[in-house]
Amino acid sequence: MRQIIALGGGGFSMEPDNPLLDRYILDQSQKTSPKICFVPTASGDSDTYIANFYRFFDEQDCEPSHLSLFKPPAQDLEAFVLEKDIIYVGGGNTKNLLVLWREWGLDAILRKAWEQGIVLAGISAGSLCWFEDGVTDSYGEQLEPIQSLGFLKGSNCPHYDGEIDRRPVYQRLIAAGTIKGGIAADDGAALHYVGQGLHRIVSSRPNAHAYRVFLDGQLHEEALTAEFLGPN
């Protein structure tokens, strides 16, 4: 089963005291103690980011590791990746992530992992990277369109409610035909895809939602209800 869990925001890096989304990701492997590998490429392998990953996942029932392209953990990256149960991609600069992954062949390795049933997950850049295109701040202060890996059809916009310019820029780019219509996610919301289908929307915050944004003669924004993972 091919699964991708794309976080608009949240998880250990944004909500260190709220484990709901990260535990949800762990549950999707259906392993007693899944092997979860963090890929911090987009942050330039930030030591703080890596430390925060281990701080959280060392306390969970799992086997955490990380994959650095600056200090590779193994000569055979494909073998290293394909023995994991979950790949968790961090946020940062999406453009740099894509360039480095393609140079190292990690994009093709991750597609193989996905096709073999390894769960792919990620936040921000680690969400946007799986779609055909979307909105990024990789180029500086202004939000710009970017073409991504295309594992999932359509576009993506993380931080839809968390950054003031995300919503208007995303809508403008879709209305202009610059990027495809797609799905935006608030901070605290996660899009769970099975194959190409949006299987479920979950959230770590009661008021976090996702939105389908598309052009059909005129621009439409359709609110999609997320299932809050916390207590009612």
C-alpha atoms as a PDB file:
ATOM      1  CA  MET A   1       0.000   0.000   0.000  1.00  0.00           C
ATOM      2  CA  ARG A   2       1.484   3.355  -1.073  1.00  0.00           C
ATOM      3  CA  GLN A   3       1.058   5.981   1.646  1.00  0.00           C
ATOM      4  CA  ILE A   4       2.105   9.619   1.962  1.00  0.00           C
ATOM      5  CA  ILE A   5       1.290  11.795   4.982  1.00  0.00           C
ATOM      6  CA  ALA A   6       1.799  15.488   4.223  1.00  0.00           C
ATOM      7  CA  LEU A   7       1.772  17.891   7.185  1.00  0.00           C
ATOM      8  CA  GLY A   8       0.856  21.515   6.582  1.00  0.00           C
ATOM      9  CA  GLY A   9       2.650  22.268   9.838  1.00  0.00           C
ATOM     10  CA  GLY A  10       3.005  20.724  13.276  1.00  0.00           C
ATOM     11  CA  GLY A  11       4.775  17.629  14.474  1.00  0.00           C
ATOM     12  CA  PHE A  12       7.841  17.526  16.715  1.00  0.00           C
ATOM     13  CA  SER A  13       9.456  20.584  15.131  1.00  0.00           C
ATOM     14  CA  MET A  14       6.510  22.961  15.549  1.00  0.00           C
ATOM     15  CA  GLU A  15       4.502  21.377  18.361  1.00  0.00           C
ATOM     16  CA  PRO A  16       7.041  19.654  20.639  1.00  0.00           C
ATOM     17  CA  ASP A  17       4.430  19.185  23.362  1.00  0.00           C
ATOM     18  CA  ASN A  18       1.770  17.846  20.995  1.00  0.00           C
ATOM     19  CA  PRO A  19       2.602  14.308  19.791  1.00  0.00           C
ATOM     20  CA  LEU A  20      -0.655  13.603  17.943  1.00  0.00           C
ATOM     21  CA  LEU A  21       0.520  13.883  14.325  1.00  0.00           C
ATOM     22  CA  ASP A  22       3.841  12.122  14.857  1.00  0.00           C
ATOM     23  CA  ARG A  23       2.187   9.222  16.674  1.00  0.00           C
ATOM     24  CA  TYR A  24      -0.334   9.001  13.865  1.00  0.00           C
ATOM     25  CA  ILE A  25       2.541   8.673  11.383  1.00  0.00           C
ATOM     26  CA  LEU A  26       4.112   5.895  13.460  1.00  0.00           C
ATOM     27  CA  ASP A  27       0.796   4.026  13.586  1.00  0.00           C
ATOM     28  CA  GLN A  28       0.497   3.887   9.787  1.00  0.00           C
ATOM     29  CA  SER A  29       3.432   1.484   9.415  1.00  0.00           C
ATOM     30  CA  GLN A  30       1.468  -1.147  11.379  1.00  0.00           C
ATOM     31  CA  LYS A  31       4.759  -2.331  12.865  1.00  0.00           C
ATOM     32  CA  THR A  32       5.263  -2.873  16.592  1.00  0.00           C
ATOM     33  CA  SER A  33       8.475  -0.831  16.588  1.00  0.00           C
ATOM     34  CA  PRO A  34       8.827   0.784  13.147  1.00  0.00           C
ATOM     35  CA  LYS A  35      12.137   1.959  11.746  1.00  0.00           C
ATOM     36  CA  ILE A  36      11.664   5.677  11.122  1.00  0.00           C
ATOM     37  CA  CYS A  37      14.293   7.685   9.242  1.00  0.00           C
ATOM     38  CA  PHE A  38      14.449  11.493   9.300  1.00  0.00           C
ATOM     39  CA  VAL A  39      15.661  13.275   6.153  1.00  0.00           C
ATOM     40  CA  PRO A  40      16.726  16.841   7.080  1.00  0.00           C
ATOM     41  CA  THR A  41      18.063  17.872   3.646  1.00  0.00           C
ATOM     42  CA  ALA A  42      15.858  20.967   3.331  1.00  0.00           C
ATOM     43  CA  SER A  43      17.294  22.452   6.529  1.00  0.00           C
ATOM     44  CA  GLY A  44      20.887  21.830   5.445  1.00  0.00           C
ATOM     45  CA  ASP A  45      21.029  19.034   8.014  1.00  0.00           C
ATOM     46  CA  SER A  46      20.415  21.387  10.939  1.00  0.00           C
ATOM     47  CA  ASP A  47      21.954  19.859  14.052  1.00  0.00           C
ATOM     48  CA  THR A  48      19.169  21.324  16.183  1.00  0.00           C
ATOM     49  CA  TYR A  49      16.492  19.857  13.919  1.00  0.00           C
ATOM     50  CA  ILE A  50      18.109  16.421  14.019  1.00  0.00           C
ATOM     51  CA  ALA A  51      18.461  16.616  17.807  1.00  0.00           C
ATOM     52  CA  ASN A  52      14.779  17.542  18.166  1.00  0.00           C
ATOM     53  CA  PHE A  53      13.836  14.545  16.014  1.00  0.00           C
ATOM     54  CA  TYR A  54      15.741  12.166  18.272  1.00  0.00           C
ATOM     55  CA  ARG A  55      14.488  13.907  21.418  1.00  0.00           C
ATOM     56  CA  PHE A  56      10.927  13.018  20.464  1.00  0.00           C
ATOM     57  CA  PHE A  57      11.279   9.673  18.708  1.00  0.00           C
ATOM     58  CA  ASP A  58      13.756   8.193  21.207  1.00  0.00           C
ATOM     59  CA  GLU A  59      10.837   8.278  23.640  1.00  0.00           C
ATOM     60  CA  GLN A  60       8.472   6.463  21.256  1.00  0.00           C
ATOM     61  CA  ASP A  61       8.187   2.768  20.454  1.00  0.00           C
ATOM     62  CA  CYS A  62      10.267   2.926  17.275  1.00  0.00           C
ATOM     63  CA  GLU A  63      13.821   2.751  15.901  1.00  0.00           C
ATOM     64  CA  PRO A  64      14.834   6.289  14.829  1.00  0.00           C
ATOM     65  CA  SER A  65      17.669   7.137  12.449  1.00  0.00           C
ATOM     66  CA  HIS A  66      18.481   9.942  10.032  1.00  0.00           C
ATOM     67  CA  LEU A  67      19.809  10.259   6.508  1.00  0.00           C
ATOM     68  CA  SER A  68      22.325  13.011   5.806  1.00  0.00           C
ATOM     69  CA  LEU A  69      23.507  13.775   2.285  1.00  0.00           C
ATOM     70  CA  PHE A  70      26.342  15.833   3.754  1.00  0.00           C
ATOM     71  CA  LYS A  71      27.566  12.923   5.900  1.00  0.00           C
ATOM     72  CA  PRO A  72      26.007   9.854   4.248  1.00  0.00           C
ATOM     73  CA  PRO A  73      25.302   6.993   6.679  1.00  0.00           C
ATOM     74  CA  ALA A  74      26.079   4.326   4.084  1.00  0.00           C
ATOM     75  CA  GLN A  75      27.664   4.006   0.651  1.00  0.00           C
ATOM     76  CA  ASP A  76      24.542   2.206  -0.613  1.00  0.00           C
ATOM     77  CA  LEU A  77      21.793   4.765   0.053  1.00  0.00           C
ATOM     78  CA  GLU A  78      19.142   2.627  -1.617  1.00  0.00           C
ATOM     79  CA  ALA A  79      19.755  -0.307   0.709  1.00  0.00           C
ATOM     80  CA  PHE A  80      19.777   2.073   3.703  1.00  0.00           C
ATOM     81  CA  VAL A  81      16.412   3.603   2.745  1.00  0.00           C
ATOM     82  CA  LEU A  82      14.617   0.443   1.668  1.00  0.00           C
ATOM     83  CA  GLU A  83      15.107  -1.295   5.007  1.00  0.00           C
ATOM     84  CA  LYS A  84      13.133   1.445   6.785  1.00  0.00           C
ATOM     85  CA  ASP A  85       9.389   1.459   7.537  1.00  0.00           C
ATOM     86  CA  ILE A  86       8.844   5.246   7.524  1.00  0.00           C
ATOM     87  CA  ILE A  87      10.714   8.108   5.863  1.00  0.00           C
ATOM     88  CA  TYR A  88      10.035  11.483   7.518  1.00  0.00           C
ATOM     89  CA  VAL A  89      11.182  14.569   5.561  1.00  0.00           C
ATOM     90  CA  GLY A  90      11.785  17.813   7.412  1.00  0.00           C
ATOM     91  CA  GLY A  91      11.048  21.380   6.408  1.00  0.00           C
ATOM     92  CA  GLY A  92      13.300  24.082   5.005  1.00  0.00           C
ATOM     93  CA  ASN A  93      14.297  24.992   1.461  1.00  0.00           C
ATOM     94  CA  THR A  94      12.328  22.879  -1.040  1.00  0.00           C
ATOM     95  CA  LYS A  95      14.460  23.946  -4.016  1.00  0.00           C
ATOM     96  CA  ASN A  96      17.684  22.807  -2.347  1.00  0.00           C
ATOM     97  CA  LEU A  97      16.033  19.566  -1.259  1.00  0.00           C
ATOM     98  CA  LEU A  98      15.007  18.747  -4.824  1.00  0.00           C
ATOM     99  CA  VAL A  99      18.403  19.630  -6.318  1.00  0.00           C
ATOM    100  CA  LEU A 100      20.332  17.514  -3.813  1.00  0.00           C
ATOM    101  CA  TRP A 101      17.934  14.567  -3.990  1.00  0.00           C
ATOM    102  CA  ARG A 102      18.191  14.460  -7.785  1.00  0.00           C
ATOM    103  CA  GLU A 103      21.982  14.738  -7.712  1.00  0.00           C
ATOM    104  CA  TRP A 104      22.216  11.808  -5.292  1.00  0.00           C
ATOM    105  CA  GLY A 105      19.416   9.807  -6.932  1.00  0.00           C
ATOM    106  CA  LEU A 106      17.422   9.942  -3.710  1.00  0.00           C
ATOM    107  CA  ASP A 107      14.278  11.018  -5.581  1.00  0.00           C
ATOM    108  CA  ALA A 108      14.249   7.707  -7.466  1.00  0.00           C
ATOM    109  CA  ILE A 109      15.066   5.753  -4.304  1.00  0.00           C
ATOM    110  CA  LEU A 110      12.157   7.359  -2.468  1.00  0.00           C
ATOM    111  CA  ARG A 111       9.778   6.568  -5.323  1.00  0.00           C
ATOM    112  CA  LYS A 112      10.873   2.936  -5.080  1.00  0.00           C
ATOM    113  CA  ALA A 113      10.371   3.043  -1.304  1.00  0.00           C
ATOM    114  CA  TRP A 114       6.850   4.423  -1.762  1.00  0.00           C
ATOM    115  CA  GLU A 115       5.998   1.784  -4.353  1.00  0.00           C
ATOM    116  CA  GLN A 116       7.260  -0.922  -1.994  1.00  0.00           C
ATOM    117  CA  GLY A 117       4.955   0.240   0.813  1.00  0.00           C
ATOM    118  CA  ILE A 118       7.332   2.297   2.943  1.00  0.00           C
ATOM    119  CA  VAL A 119       5.379   5.193   4.466  1.00  0.00           C
ATOM    120  CA  LEU A 120       6.517   8.624   3.254  1.00  0.00           C
ATOM    121  CA  ALA A 121       5.783  11.608   5.477  1.00  0.00           C
ATOM    122  CA  GLY A 122       6.934  15.167   5.887  1.00  0.00           C
ATOM    123  CA  ILE A 123       6.236  18.702   6.958  1.00  0.00           C
ATOM    124  CA  SER A 124       6.314  21.946   4.942  1.00  0.00           C
ATOM    125  CA  ALA A 125       9.028  21.305   2.308  1.00  0.00           C
ATOM    126  CA  GLY A 126       8.603  17.658   3.290  1.00  0.00           C
ATOM    127  CA  SER A 127       4.940  17.957   2.317  1.00  0.00           C
ATOM    128  CA  LEU A 128       5.299  20.062  -0.819  1.00  0.00           C
ATOM    129  CA  CYS A 129       7.986  17.831  -2.327  1.00  0.00           C
ATOM    130  CA  TRP A 130       5.613  14.911  -3.029  1.00  0.00           C
ATOM    131  CA  PHE A 131       3.202  16.879  -5.264  1.00  0.00           C
ATOM    132  CA  GLU A 132       3.476  18.097  -8.857  1.00  0.00           C
ATOM    133  CA  ASP A 133       3.879  21.725  -7.867  1.00  0.00           C
ATOM    134  CA  GLY A 134       3.047  24.293  -5.222  1.00  0.00           C
ATOM    135  CA  VAL A 135       4.127  27.410  -3.360  1.00  0.00           C
ATOM    136  CA  THR A 136       7.553  27.849  -1.765  1.00  0.00           C
ATOM    137  CA  ASP A 137       9.650  30.497  -0.019  1.00  0.00           C
ATOM    138  CA  SER A 138      12.845  28.810  -1.243  1.00  0.00           C
ATOM    139  CA  TYR A 139      13.908  31.773  -3.391  1.00  0.00           C
ATOM    140  CA  GLY A 140      13.863  34.473  -0.731  1.00  0.00           C
ATOM    141  CA  GLU A 141      11.216  36.566   0.971  1.00  0.00           C
ATOM    142  CA  GLN A 142       8.616  36.240  -1.807  1.00  0.00           C
ATOM    143  CA  LEU A 143       6.506  33.132  -2.298  1.00  0.00           C
ATOM    144  CA  GLU A 144       7.063  31.547  -5.696  1.00  0.00           C
ATOM    145  CA  PRO A 145       5.768  28.544  -7.685  1.00  0.00           C
ATOM    146  CA  ILE A 146       7.882  25.405  -7.743  1.00  0.00           C
ATOM    147  CA  GLN A 147       7.711  22.095  -9.553  1.00  0.00           C
ATOM    148  CA  SER A 148       8.181  19.091  -7.283  1.00  0.00           C
ATOM    149  CA  LEU A 149       8.497  15.303  -7.609  1.00  0.00           C
ATOM    150  CA  GLY A 150       4.959  14.552  -8.784  1.00  0.00           C
ATOM    151  CA  PHE A 151       4.364  11.396  -6.752  1.00  0.00           C
ATOM    152  CA  LEU A 152       0.947  12.923  -5.996  1.00  0.00           C
ATOM    153  CA  LYS A 153      -1.168  14.742  -8.568  1.00  0.00           C
ATOM    154  CA  GLY A 154      -1.927  18.439  -8.252  1.00  0.00           C
ATOM    155  CA  SER A 155      -0.412  21.146  -6.094  1.00  0.00           C
ATOM    156  CA  ASN A 156       0.135  21.631  -2.377  1.00  0.00           C
ATOM    157  CA  CYS A 157       0.380  24.577  -0.022  1.00  0.00           C
ATOM    158  CA  PRO A 158       1.479  24.056   3.597  1.00  0.00           C
ATOM    159  CA  HIS A 159       1.098  26.664   6.381  1.00  0.00           C
ATOM    160  CA  TYR A 160      -2.157  27.834   4.806  1.00  0.00           C
ATOM    161  CA  ASP A 161      -3.266  29.655   7.960  1.00  0.00           C
ATOM    162  CA  GLY A 162       0.166  30.032   9.549  1.00  0.00           C
ATOM    163  CA  GLU A 163       1.731  32.550   7.154  1.00  0.00           C
ATOM    164  CA  ILE A 164      -0.272  35.561   6.023  1.00  0.00           C
ATOM    165  CA  ASP A 165       0.686  35.442   2.329  1.00  0.00           C
ATOM    166  CA  ARG A 166       0.217  31.716   1.733  1.00  0.00           C
ATOM    167  CA  ARG A 167      -3.519  31.726   1.018  1.00  0.00           C
ATOM    168  CA  PRO A 168      -3.637  34.722  -1.393  1.00  0.00           C
ATOM    169  CA  VAL A 169      -0.504  33.684  -3.309  1.00  0.00           C
ATOM    170  CA  TYR A 170      -1.635  30.074  -3.654  1.00  0.00           C
ATOM    171  CA  GLN A 171      -5.022  31.174  -4.948  1.00  0.00           C
ATOM    172  CA  ARG A 172      -3.490  33.713  -7.333  1.00  0.00           C
ATOM    173  CA  LEU A 173      -1.105  31.163  -8.852  1.00  0.00           C
ATOM    174  CA  ILE A 174      -3.912  28.649  -9.391  1.00  0.00           C
ATOM    175  CA  ALA A 175      -6.208  31.319 -10.851  1.00  0.00           C
ATOM    176  CA  ALA A 176      -3.453  32.331 -13.295  1.00  0.00           C
ATOM    177  CA  GLY A 177      -2.849  28.724 -14.331  1.00  0.00           C
ATOM    178  CA  THR A 178       0.753  28.934 -13.125  1.00  0.00           C
ATOM    179  CA  ILE A 179       0.295  25.887 -10.903  1.00  0.00           C
ATOM    180  CA  LYS A 180      -2.366  23.192 -10.822  1.00  0.00           C
ATOM    181  CA  GLY A 181      -5.272  23.140  -8.445  1.00  0.00           C
ATOM    182  CA  GLY A 182      -4.684  21.135  -5.319  1.00  0.00           C
ATOM    183  CA  ILE A 183      -4.865  20.850  -1.551  1.00  0.00           C
ATOM    184  CA  ALA A 184      -3.767  23.364   1.087  1.00  0.00           C
ATOM    185  CA  ALA A 185      -3.301  22.453   4.740  1.00  0.00           C
ATOM    186  CA  ASP A 186      -3.341  24.587   7.872  1.00  0.00           C
ATOM    187  CA  ASP A 187      -0.653  24.232  10.500  1.00  0.00           C
ATOM    188  CA  GLY A 188      -1.686  21.225  12.551  1.00  0.00           C
ATOM    189  CA  ALA A 189      -3.445  19.473   9.655  1.00  0.00           C
ATOM    190  CA  ALA A 190      -2.118  16.432   7.797  1.00  0.00           C
ATOM    191  CA  LEU A 191      -3.183  14.968   4.455  1.00  0.00           C
ATOM    192  CA  HIS A 192      -3.066  11.159   4.399  1.00  0.00           C
ATOM    193  CA  TYR A 193      -2.914   9.755   0.869  1.00  0.00           C
ATOM    194  CA  VAL A 194      -3.297   6.117  -0.072  1.00  0.00           C
ATOM    195  CA  GLY A 195      -2.172   5.714  -3.652  1.00  0.00           C
ATOM    196  CA  GLN A 196      -3.373   8.861  -5.436  1.00  0.00           C
ATOM    197  CA  GLY A 197      -6.462   9.236  -3.265  1.00  0.00           C
ATOM    198  CA  LEU A 198      -6.871  11.547  -0.274  1.00  0.00           C
ATOM    199  CA  HIS A 199      -7.755   8.890   2.291  1.00  0.00           C
ATOM    200  CA  ARG A 200      -8.098  10.975   5.436  1.00  0.00           C
ATOM    201  CA  ILE A 201      -7.408  14.412   6.885  1.00  0.00           C
ATOM    202  CA  VAL A 202      -6.306  14.483  10.518  1.00  0.00           C
ATOM    203  CA  SER A 203      -5.276  17.285  12.839  1.00  0.00           C
ATOM    204  CA  SER A 204      -3.456  17.993  16.075  1.00  0.00           C
ATOM    205  CA  ARG A 205      -5.510  21.154  16.632  1.00  0.00           C
ATOM    206  CA  PRO A 206      -9.320  21.279  16.847  1.00  0.00           C
ATOM    207  CA  ASN A 207      -9.610  24.145  14.348  1.00  0.00           C
ATOM    208  CA  ALA A 208      -7.043  23.036  11.769  1.00  0.00           C
ATOM    209  CA  HIS A 209      -8.463  22.226   8.335  1.00  0.00           C
ATOM    210  CA  ALA A 210      -7.513  21.499   4.748  1.00  0.00           C
ATOM    211  CA  TYR A 211      -8.871  23.127   1.587  1.00  0.00           C
ATOM    212  CA  ARG A 212      -9.349  22.029  -1.980  1.00  0.00           C
ATOM    213  CA  VAL A 213      -8.514  24.984  -4.247  1.00  0.00           C
ATOM    214  CA  PHE A 214      -9.262  24.708  -7.953  1.00  0.00           C
ATOM    215  CA  LEU A 215     -10.174  26.647 -11.078  1.00  0.00           C
ATOM    216  CA  ASP A 216     -13.491  25.892 -12.770  1.00  0.00           C
ATOM    217  CA  GLY A 217     -14.327  29.017 -14.724  1.00  0.00           C
ATOM    218  CA  GLN A 218     -13.596  30.853 -11.505  1.00  0.00           C
ATOM    219  CA  LEU A 219     -11.509  30.075  -8.453  1.00  0.00           C
ATOM    220  CA  HIS A 220     -13.062  27.847  -5.805  1.00  0.00           C
ATOM    221  CA  GLU A 221     -11.910  27.127  -2.256  1.00  0.00           C
ATOM    222  CA  GLU A 222     -13.668  24.167  -0.652  1.00  0.00           C
ATOM    223  CA  ALA A 223     -13.110  23.618   3.077  1.00  0.00           C
ATOM    224  CA  LEU A 224     -12.380  20.004   4.010  1.00  0.00           C
ATOM    225  CA  THR A 225     -13.041  18.887   7.564  1.00  0.00           C
ATOM    226  CA  ALA A 226     -10.149  17.346   9.449  1.00  0.00           C
ATOM    227  CA  GLU A 227     -10.557  14.681  12.099  1.00  0.00           C
ATOM    228  CA  PHE A 228      -9.096  15.946  15.366  1.00  0.00           C
ATOM    229  CA  LEU A 229      -6.876  13.276  16.870  1.00  0.00           C
ATOM    230  CA  GLY A 230      -7.160  14.546  20.422  1.00  0.00           C
ATOM    231  CA  PRO A 231      -9.878  13.988  23.009  1.00  0.00           C
ATOM    232  CA  ASN A 232     -13.338  15.315  22.232  1.00  0.00           C
END
